[in-house]
Protein backbone atom coordinates (compact mmCIF):
# COMPACT_ATOMS: atom_id res chain seq x y z
CA MET A 1 59.40 74.36 -18.82
CA ARG A 2 58.48 72.80 -15.75
CA ARG A 3 54.90 73.42 -15.95
CA ALA A 4 55.09 71.92 -19.06
CA LEU A 5 56.83 68.94 -17.86
CA THR A 6 54.37 68.46 -15.10
CA ALA A 7 51.21 68.55 -17.76
CA GLY A 8 53.37 66.16 -19.85
CA LEU A 9 53.47 64.23 -16.96
CA LEU A 10 49.94 63.97 -15.88
CA LEU A 11 49.04 63.47 -19.16
CA ILE A 12 51.05 60.22 -19.66
CA THR A 13 49.94 58.90 -16.11
CA SER A 14 46.13 59.73 -16.71
CA THR A 15 46.28 57.89 -20.32
CA ARG A 16 48.06 54.44 -18.88
CA LEU A 17 45.57 54.71 -16.08
CA CYS A 18 42.67 55.05 -18.23
CA VAL A 19 44.33 52.23 -20.43
CA ALA A 20 44.91 49.60 -17.62
CA GLN A 21 41.49 50.49 -16.08
CA GLU A 22 39.19 50.77 -19.16
CA PRO A 23 35.77 48.99 -18.53
CA GLN A 24 33.81 46.94 -20.68
CA LEU A 25 31.83 49.05 -23.09
CA VAL A 26 28.23 49.26 -23.02
CA ALA A 27 26.09 50.77 -25.59
CA GLU A 28 23.54 53.31 -24.01
CA PRO A 29 19.84 52.96 -25.43
CA VAL A 30 19.15 55.67 -27.81
CA GLU A 31 15.73 56.93 -27.77
CA PHE A 32 15.21 57.75 -31.61
CA MET A 33 11.89 56.62 -31.78
CA GLN A 34 8.59 57.87 -30.00
CA VAL A 35 7.36 55.86 -27.44
CA CYS A 36 3.12 54.91 -27.10
CA GLY A 37 1.70 56.06 -24.54
CA GLY A 38 -1.10 53.69 -23.22
CA TYR A 39 0.89 50.44 -24.05
CA THR A 40 4.05 49.00 -22.64
CA ASP A 41 7.55 50.07 -23.42
CA ASP A 42 8.29 47.99 -26.46
CA PHE A 43 5.60 50.01 -28.48
CA PHE A 44 6.76 52.75 -31.01
CA VAL A 45 4.92 54.99 -33.19
CA LEU A 46 4.94 54.15 -36.91
CA PRO A 47 6.33 57.34 -38.57
CA GLY A 48 3.86 59.45 -40.35
CA THR A 49 0.82 57.50 -38.24
CA ASP A 50 -1.11 56.68 -35.41
CA VAL A 51 -0.25 53.28 -34.93
CA CYS A 52 1.38 52.17 -32.24
CA LEU A 53 4.12 49.17 -33.32
CA SER A 54 5.63 46.12 -31.56
CA ILE A 55 8.21 43.83 -33.00
CA GLU A 56 9.64 40.96 -31.16
CA ALA A 57 11.72 37.64 -31.87
CA LYS A 58 12.83 34.90 -30.12
CA VAL A 59 15.26 31.99 -31.31
CA ARG A 60 15.06 28.15 -29.68
CA ALA A 61 17.26 25.39 -29.51
CA ASP A 62 16.39 22.16 -28.75
CA LEU A 63 17.81 18.35 -28.60
CA ARG A 64 15.51 15.91 -28.59
CA PHE A 65 15.76 12.18 -27.61
CA GLU A 66 12.72 10.45 -28.86
CA ASP A 67 11.19 8.21 -26.90
CA PHE A 68 14.13 5.61 -25.67
CA SER A 69 12.20 3.34 -23.77
CA ALA A 70 11.84 -0.17 -24.01
CA ALA A 71 11.25 -1.56 -27.39
CA PRO A 72 9.44 -1.11 -29.61
CA SER A 73 10.44 2.27 -29.41
CA ASP A 74 12.42 4.73 -31.70
CA TRP A 75 15.65 3.59 -30.10
CA SER A 76 14.57 0.26 -31.03
CA ASP A 77 13.61 0.59 -34.66
CA ARG A 78 16.79 1.19 -36.64
CA SER A 79 14.49 2.83 -39.44
CA GLN A 80 14.46 5.92 -37.08
CA ASN A 81 16.44 9.17 -35.57
CA GLY A 82 17.05 8.35 -31.49
CA VAL A 83 18.72 12.04 -31.26
CA LEU A 84 17.15 15.00 -33.41
CA ALA A 85 18.38 18.29 -33.31
CA ARG A 86 15.75 21.31 -33.94
CA VAL A 87 16.17 25.46 -34.18
CA ARG A 88 12.89 27.73 -34.20
CA ALA A 89 12.80 31.64 -35.15
CA TYR A 90 9.69 33.38 -33.93
CA PHE A 91 9.00 37.15 -35.73
CA ARG A 92 5.99 38.91 -33.64
CA PHE A 93 4.06 42.43 -35.20
CA ASP A 94 1.80 43.32 -33.16
CA ALA A 95 0.32 47.02 -34.70
CA ARG A 96 -2.52 49.04 -32.76
CA ASN A 97 -4.29 52.43 -33.17
CA MET A 98 -7.32 54.06 -31.45
CA THR A 99 -10.55 54.50 -33.76
CA GLU A 100 -13.85 55.14 -33.08
CA PHE A 101 -14.99 51.97 -31.82
CA GLY A 102 -11.83 51.27 -29.59
CA ILE A 103 -8.96 49.88 -29.91
CA MET A 104 -7.81 47.88 -33.48
CA ARG A 105 -5.20 45.52 -32.63
CA THR A 106 -3.66 43.56 -36.13
CA TYR A 107 -1.14 41.16 -34.93
CA MET A 108 1.04 38.27 -36.94
CA GLU A 109 3.19 35.61 -35.78
CA LEU A 110 5.79 33.79 -38.04
CA ARG A 111 7.66 30.58 -37.31
CA THR A 112 10.53 28.71 -39.30
CA THR A 113 11.99 25.83 -38.17
CA SER A 114 15.14 23.48 -38.89
CA GLU A 115 15.31 20.33 -37.75
CA THR A 116 16.52 16.67 -37.94
CA ALA A 117 14.74 14.53 -39.97
CA GLN A 118 12.46 11.39 -38.11
CA THR A 119 14.18 9.10 -40.69
CA PRO A 120 17.72 8.95 -41.72
CA VAL A 121 18.05 10.42 -44.89
CA PHE A 122 20.92 12.52 -46.91
CA ASN A 123 20.73 16.02 -46.13
CA GLN A 124 19.19 15.62 -42.60
CA ASP A 125 17.86 19.51 -42.03
CA ARG A 126 14.35 20.27 -43.14
CA VAL A 127 12.98 23.49 -42.88
CA THR A 128 9.80 24.61 -42.96
CA GLN A 129 7.64 27.83 -42.08
CA ARG A 130 4.22 28.15 -40.78
CA LEU A 131 2.23 31.43 -39.83
CA ARG A 132 1.31 30.75 -36.47
CA TYR A 133 -1.23 34.33 -35.82
CA ALA A 134 -2.41 36.57 -38.16
CA PHE A 135 -5.36 38.42 -36.78
CA ILE A 136 -7.41 41.34 -36.03
CA GLN A 137 -9.22 42.34 -33.44
CA LEU A 138 -11.55 45.39 -33.30
CA ALA A 139 -14.89 46.03 -30.75
CA GLY A 140 -14.87 42.45 -29.43
CA VAL A 141 -14.75 41.08 -33.13
CA GLU A 142 -11.63 39.02 -34.01
CA ALA A 143 -10.96 37.47 -37.40
CA GLY A 144 -8.11 35.69 -38.87
CA ILE A 145 -5.55 32.54 -37.29
CA LEU A 146 -5.16 32.58 -33.62
CA HIS A 147 -6.38 30.10 -30.65
CA SER A 148 -9.83 28.09 -30.80
CA PHE A 149 -12.55 30.00 -28.57
CA TYR A 150 -12.17 26.49 -26.89
CA ASP A 151 -8.96 26.11 -26.05
CA PHE A 152 -8.13 26.83 -22.28
CA TRP A 153 -5.40 26.38 -20.25
CA THR A 154 -3.04 24.29 -22.60
CA GLY A 155 -0.16 23.41 -20.44
CA TYR A 156 2.42 25.08 -17.68
CA SER A 157 5.21 22.58 -19.21
CA TYR A 158 6.77 22.54 -22.69
CA GLY A 159 5.16 19.62 -24.42
CA ALA A 160 8.04 20.05 -26.73
CA THR A 161 7.42 15.84 -27.91
CA SER A 162 4.43 14.96 -26.73
CA ASN A 163 1.86 16.91 -24.42
CA VAL A 164 -1.06 16.54 -21.25
CA ALA A 165 -5.00 15.88 -22.64
CA TYR A 166 -5.62 19.40 -23.19
CA ALA A 167 -7.37 21.24 -26.56
CA ASP A 168 -4.30 22.65 -28.50
CA GLN A 169 -4.66 24.03 -31.63
CA ARG A 170 -4.02 27.65 -33.52
CA LEU A 171 -6.91 27.59 -36.30
CA TRP A 172 -8.90 30.02 -39.04
CA LEU A 173 -11.86 31.47 -37.02
CA ALA A 174 -14.28 34.50 -36.43
CA GLY A 175 -15.84 35.68 -33.69
CA TYR A 176 -17.24 37.93 -31.47
CA THR A 177 -16.32 38.07 -27.50
CA TYR A 178 -18.51 40.47 -25.45
CA THR A 179 -16.68 41.28 -22.23
CA MET A 180 -18.22 42.73 -18.69
CA SER A 181 -16.51 45.08 -16.01
CA ASN A 182 -16.78 42.36 -13.55
CA GLY A 183 -14.24 40.22 -15.39
CA SER A 184 -17.01 37.97 -16.98
CA SER A 185 -16.99 37.28 -21.01
CA PHE A 186 -19.10 35.14 -23.18
CA ALA A 187 -17.84 34.51 -26.40
CA ALA A 188 -18.58 32.57 -29.65
CA ALA A 189 -16.98 31.54 -33.58
CA VAL A 190 -17.29 29.61 -36.29
CA GLU A 191 -14.05 27.84 -36.93
CA ASP A 192 -12.50 25.85 -40.00
CA ARG A 193 -13.32 22.21 -38.94
CA THR A 194 -10.30 20.58 -41.12
CA PHE A 195 -7.96 21.97 -38.50
CA ARG A 196 -9.25 19.28 -35.88
CA GLN A 197 -10.82 16.49 -37.76
CA ALA A 198 -9.19 12.84 -36.96
CA ASN A 199 -9.71 10.17 -39.27
CA LEU A 200 -13.54 8.18 -40.49
CA PHE A 201 -13.47 4.71 -40.72
CA PHE A 202 -15.59 2.85 -43.12
CA GLY A 203 -15.77 -0.76 -44.36
CA GLU A 204 -15.60 -3.88 -43.21
CA TYR A 205 -15.93 -4.86 -39.64
CA ARG A 206 -12.15 -4.28 -38.43
CA ASP A 207 -10.35 -4.10 -41.56
CA THR A 208 -8.39 -0.74 -41.23
CA ASP A 209 -6.03 -1.45 -44.02
CA GLY A 210 -8.34 -2.05 -46.65
CA PHE A 211 -10.87 0.64 -45.60
CA LEU A 212 -9.44 4.05 -43.97
CA GLU A 213 -11.43 6.59 -45.41
CA ASN A 214 -11.10 10.45 -44.60
CA TYR A 215 -13.61 12.97 -44.09
CA GLY A 216 -15.64 14.64 -47.04
CA GLY A 217 -15.10 18.39 -48.19
CA VAL A 218 -16.22 20.93 -45.50
CA LYS A 219 -19.78 22.09 -46.07
CA LEU A 220 -20.87 23.80 -42.68
CA PRO A 221 -17.49 25.43 -40.35
CA SER A 222 -17.84 24.52 -36.78
CA PHE A 223 -19.35 26.24 -33.81
CA VAL A 224 -17.64 27.24 -30.73
CA ALA A 225 -18.59 29.36 -27.64
CA HIS A 226 -17.34 29.55 -24.22
CA ALA A 227 -18.48 31.50 -20.90
CA ARG A 228 -14.86 32.88 -18.71
CA LEU A 229 -14.32 34.85 -15.62
CA ALA A 230 -11.20 36.54 -15.08
CA ARG A 231 -10.03 37.76 -11.46
CA GLY A 232 -7.68 38.62 -9.39
CA TRP A 233 -6.98 35.00 -8.30
CA GLY A 234 -7.12 33.50 -12.12
CA GLN A 235 -9.63 32.50 -14.54
CA ALA A 236 -12.20 29.43 -14.89
CA GLN A 237 -13.62 28.45 -18.53
CA VAL A 238 -17.10 26.03 -19.64
CA MET A 239 -16.49 25.41 -23.28
CA ALA A 240 -18.77 24.07 -25.62
CA ALA A 241 -18.07 22.66 -29.69
CA LEU A 242 -20.78 21.49 -32.33
CA ALA A 243 -19.15 19.93 -35.66
CA GLN A 244 -20.63 18.33 -38.77
CA VAL A 245 -18.78 14.57 -39.20
CA ARG A 246 -19.07 13.85 -43.05
CA TYR A 247 -17.69 10.86 -44.92
CA LEU A 248 -15.82 10.92 -47.90
CA ASP A 249 -18.24 8.09 -49.38
CA SER A 250 -21.76 9.12 -49.27
CA ALA A 251 -23.09 5.45 -48.20
CA PRO A 252 -22.68 6.51 -44.23
CA THR A 253 -25.39 9.88 -43.16
CA GLY A 254 -22.64 11.83 -41.65
CA LEU A 255 -23.34 12.75 -38.16
CA TYR A 256 -22.96 15.69 -36.00
CA GLY A 257 -20.27 15.67 -33.09
CA TRP A 258 -19.93 17.87 -30.13
CA ALA A 259 -17.86 18.29 -27.48
CA LEU A 260 -17.78 19.61 -23.56
CA GLY A 261 -15.03 21.41 -21.37
CA THR A 262 -14.42 23.55 -18.08
CA GLY A 263 -11.73 24.51 -16.66
CA ILE A 264 -9.64 26.76 -13.91
CA ASP A 265 -6.41 28.08 -13.77
CA VAL A 266 -5.58 29.58 -10.31
CA SER A 267 -2.68 32.01 -9.12
CA TRP A 268 -2.01 31.65 -5.55
CA PRO A 269 -1.11 34.47 -3.37
CA SER A 270 2.57 34.81 -3.69
CA MET A 271 4.61 33.28 -0.74
CA TRP A 272 8.10 34.17 1.31
CA ALA A 273 8.13 37.52 1.18
CA GLY A 274 6.63 37.14 -2.92
CA LYS A 275 9.76 35.19 -3.87
CA ILE A 276 7.77 32.11 -4.73
CA LEU A 277 5.28 32.53 -7.03
CA LEU A 278 2.24 28.98 -7.50
CA LYS A 279 -0.12 28.23 -9.82
CA THR A 280 -2.08 25.82 -10.33
CA ALA A 281 -4.68 24.42 -12.91
CA LEU A 282 -7.83 21.81 -13.60
CA GLN A 283 -9.38 21.18 -16.81
CA VAL A 284 -11.99 17.86 -17.95
CA SER A 285 -13.24 17.45 -21.51
CA TYR A 286 -15.39 15.00 -23.06
CA SER A 287 -16.37 14.57 -26.54
CA GLN A 288 -18.12 12.56 -29.36
CA GLY A 289 -16.92 12.35 -32.88
CA ILE A 290 -14.32 15.36 -32.51
CA MET A 291 -11.79 13.43 -30.96
CA ASP A 292 -8.91 16.60 -30.45
CA TYR A 293 -11.02 18.14 -28.35
CA VAL A 294 -10.24 15.96 -25.75
CA HIS A 295 -6.44 15.10 -26.70
CA SER A 296 -4.18 17.14 -29.11
CA ASN A 297 -1.80 14.52 -29.30
CA TRP A 298 -3.09 10.67 -29.11
CA GLY A 299 -0.64 7.92 -28.88
CA ILE A 300 -2.41 6.03 -31.59
CA GLU A 301 -4.27 6.82 -34.96
CA ALA A 302 -7.81 8.47 -33.72
CA PHE A 303 -11.25 8.04 -35.64
CA ASP A 304 -13.86 10.13 -34.88
CA ALA A 305 -16.40 7.91 -36.25
CA VAL A 306 -16.89 4.47 -37.65
CA ALA A 307 -19.24 2.87 -40.19
CA LEU A 308 -19.64 -0.55 -41.60
CA THR A 309 -21.03 -1.61 -44.98
CA ASP A 310 -24.03 -3.19 -43.09
CA GLY A 311 -24.95 0.55 -42.18
CA SER A 312 -24.70 0.59 -38.78
CA GLU A 313 -22.54 3.87 -37.85
CA GLU A 314 -21.63 5.42 -34.47
CA LEU A 315 -19.11 8.21 -33.53
CA SER A 316 -16.61 7.79 -31.25
CA TYR A 317 -16.69 8.99 -27.80
CA GLY A 318 -13.88 9.98 -25.00
CA TRP A 319 -12.88 12.06 -22.16
CA SER A 320 -9.87 13.62 -20.55
CA ILE A 321 -8.91 14.86 -17.30
CA ALA A 322 -5.57 17.17 -16.93
CA GLY A 323 -3.77 19.24 -14.31
CA GLY A 324 -0.64 20.84 -13.75
CA LEU A 325 1.48 23.06 -11.13
CA GLN A 326 4.04 25.67 -11.96
CA LEU A 327 6.51 26.90 -9.17
CA GLU A 328 8.53 30.08 -9.76
CA TYR A 329 11.64 31.48 -7.60
CA LEU A 330 12.28 34.80 -7.56
CA GLU A 331 11.40 34.92 -11.56
CA GLN A 332 14.90 33.17 -11.84
CA PHE A 333 14.12 29.79 -11.63
CA ARG A 334 10.73 27.49 -12.96
CA LEU A 335 9.32 24.21 -12.50
CA ALA A 336 5.95 22.42 -14.57
CA LEU A 337 4.62 19.43 -13.63
CA ASP A 338 1.64 18.37 -16.25
CA GLY A 339 0.04 15.35 -15.88
CA SER A 340 -3.02 13.77 -17.73
CA TYR A 341 -5.55 11.13 -17.94
CA ALA A 342 -7.49 10.53 -21.00
CA GLN A 343 -9.79 7.79 -22.54
CA LEU A 344 -11.20 6.99 -26.17
CA ASN A 345 -13.79 4.96 -27.16
CA GLN A 346 -14.59 3.57 -30.76
CA TYR A 347 -17.60 1.26 -32.20
CA THR A 348 -15.89 -2.12 -33.51
CA LEU A 349 -12.35 -1.08 -33.15
CA TRP A 350 -9.49 -0.99 -30.22
CA ASP A 351 -10.39 1.50 -27.22
CA LEU A 352 -7.07 3.61 -25.65
CA GLN A 353 -5.95 4.45 -21.73
CA GLN A 354 -3.83 6.97 -21.96
CA TRP A 355 -1.65 8.33 -19.17
CA ASP A 356 0.74 11.40 -19.85
CA LEU A 357 3.24 13.66 -17.65
CA ASN A 358 5.75 16.06 -18.76
CA LEU A 359 8.20 17.64 -15.94
CA THR A 360 10.05 21.06 -17.02
CA VAL A 361 12.87 22.57 -15.15
CA GLU A 362 13.80 26.38 -16.27
CA TYR A 363 16.51 28.36 -15.34
CA ARG A 364 16.67 32.16 -16.52
CA PRO A 365 20.13 33.66 -15.86
CA VAL A 366 19.36 36.22 -17.75
CA ARG A 367 16.20 38.87 -18.41
CA HIS A 368 14.70 37.06 -21.43
CA ALA A 369 17.07 33.96 -21.84
CA SER A 370 16.36 30.82 -20.08
CA PHE A 371 18.02 26.99 -20.00
CA GLY A 372 15.43 24.25 -19.54
CA ILE A 373 15.57 20.76 -19.63
CA GLU A 374 12.14 18.88 -19.50
CA THR A 375 11.36 14.75 -19.40
CA ALA A 376 7.54 13.20 -20.98
CA PHE A 377 6.62 9.81 -19.81
CA ARG A 378 3.66 8.10 -21.37
CA VAL A 379 1.73 5.01 -20.75
CA ALA A 380 -0.92 4.14 -23.68
CA GLU A 381 -2.71 0.79 -23.36
CA LEU A 382 -5.05 -0.42 -26.14
CA GLY A 383 -8.16 -2.84 -25.36
CA THR A 384 -8.56 -6.00 -27.80
CA VAL A 385 -11.55 -6.21 -30.37
CA PRO A 386 -12.79 -9.38 -30.95
CA ILE A 387 -11.64 -10.74 -34.40
CA PRO A 388 -14.12 -13.26 -36.60
CA ALA A 389 -13.46 -16.83 -36.80
CA GLY A 390 -10.71 -17.79 -40.10
CA SER A 391 -9.54 -13.61 -40.66
CA THR A 392 -5.72 -12.60 -40.20
CA LEU A 393 -6.47 -9.24 -39.04
CA GLU A 394 -4.67 -8.48 -35.51
CA ASN A 395 -4.78 -6.12 -33.13
CA PRO A 396 -2.22 -3.25 -33.20
CA GLN A 397 0.35 -3.57 -31.36
CA ILE A 398 1.56 -0.28 -29.53
CA GLY A 399 4.50 0.11 -26.75
CA PRO A 400 4.05 -0.23 -23.52
CA ASN A 401 5.25 3.24 -22.63
CA SER A 402 7.33 6.12 -24.40
CA LEU A 403 10.32 8.50 -22.46
CA SER A 404 11.70 11.43 -24.30
CA LEU A 405 14.23 14.27 -22.73
CA VAL A 406 14.81 17.40 -24.38
CA PHE A 407 17.65 20.33 -23.23
CA ARG A 408 16.08 23.89 -24.86
CA ILE A 409 18.03 26.99 -25.34
CA GLU A 410 16.11 30.54 -26.05
CA ARG A 411 15.88 33.93 -25.67
CA GLU A 412 13.52 36.73 -26.50
CA PHE A 413 14.28 39.98 -27.55
């Protein structure tokens, strides 16, 4: 009897202790899929095949305060929303398998966006979908939608509202990359021109209202090439592009635009016992007739070329210099500063000088999650163009500067 009572008391006591000190339940990972060797732990074997597959996703939420600088701006214009909300979901699929020609890789990334409309309307939410990447790689050959072979450094900051002067386009291309053992690589590709073309001007002197013209149909793709060196200290690249500038109207003969650029991105040795990581970058680009290679985010409408009814025809030209600095501390705090200067010169039209500065501060409390804030500042100065006597034309007006602020939360899984 005593033994039974003692056992009962021990059972009750242990039960109470378990209830009082019950720890939070943590799900233990269950390995029911075979992990692929030779890749990261994110890859698993697709049952019944020799394909290694990785599936990733990311959710990003932004609250943007658009251009709240001095008038004219989004805040001074009653027809524009000054505060915009945006949520994006990313889905990535990466499949790889070994073949007799090496690793075959197939990659796809989908993005769904829900955001506030720029102008006040009923039912503000807009939902759009975009195929950001979709390409196949094998033995140096690449085809599909991916970053242009011209693009190199695309900034350390978010670039959520505006970005500094760099070329940044995901487009259709087909190309080949030859990689050497010393870290050097040489690449060439044909690319879809329509992703990078701006507007064209054809008509009377300076009358953009009546004679604005688009590109004609594509007859030749763009040709792009680069040479890159990747080492432990970072990487450097020299790039070039050639594209047809073809008017919709048959009167202008049409010309060929080109672009040249170079850049360097340096990862400096870790400092303070490995707690601080520093990266810096510098990039320069010049173009005639393909202004998107100089800056993917001009503050005004840019024209690749100008043709007048008197038969004169000229390519626009411009150049840019951009640089950035990124500082990471304990892989939890990140500070990024990007800046640039860009100049656009357009035959018989106004010229533009543009300065951009982006500052991003990010905190990562847990792995694959971050909280960040970014401010973007832009100064744009337009040159005036002589107006013929008696004409009612006016030089365009542009705000002296713009200032934007973004709050961001995102998580990858």
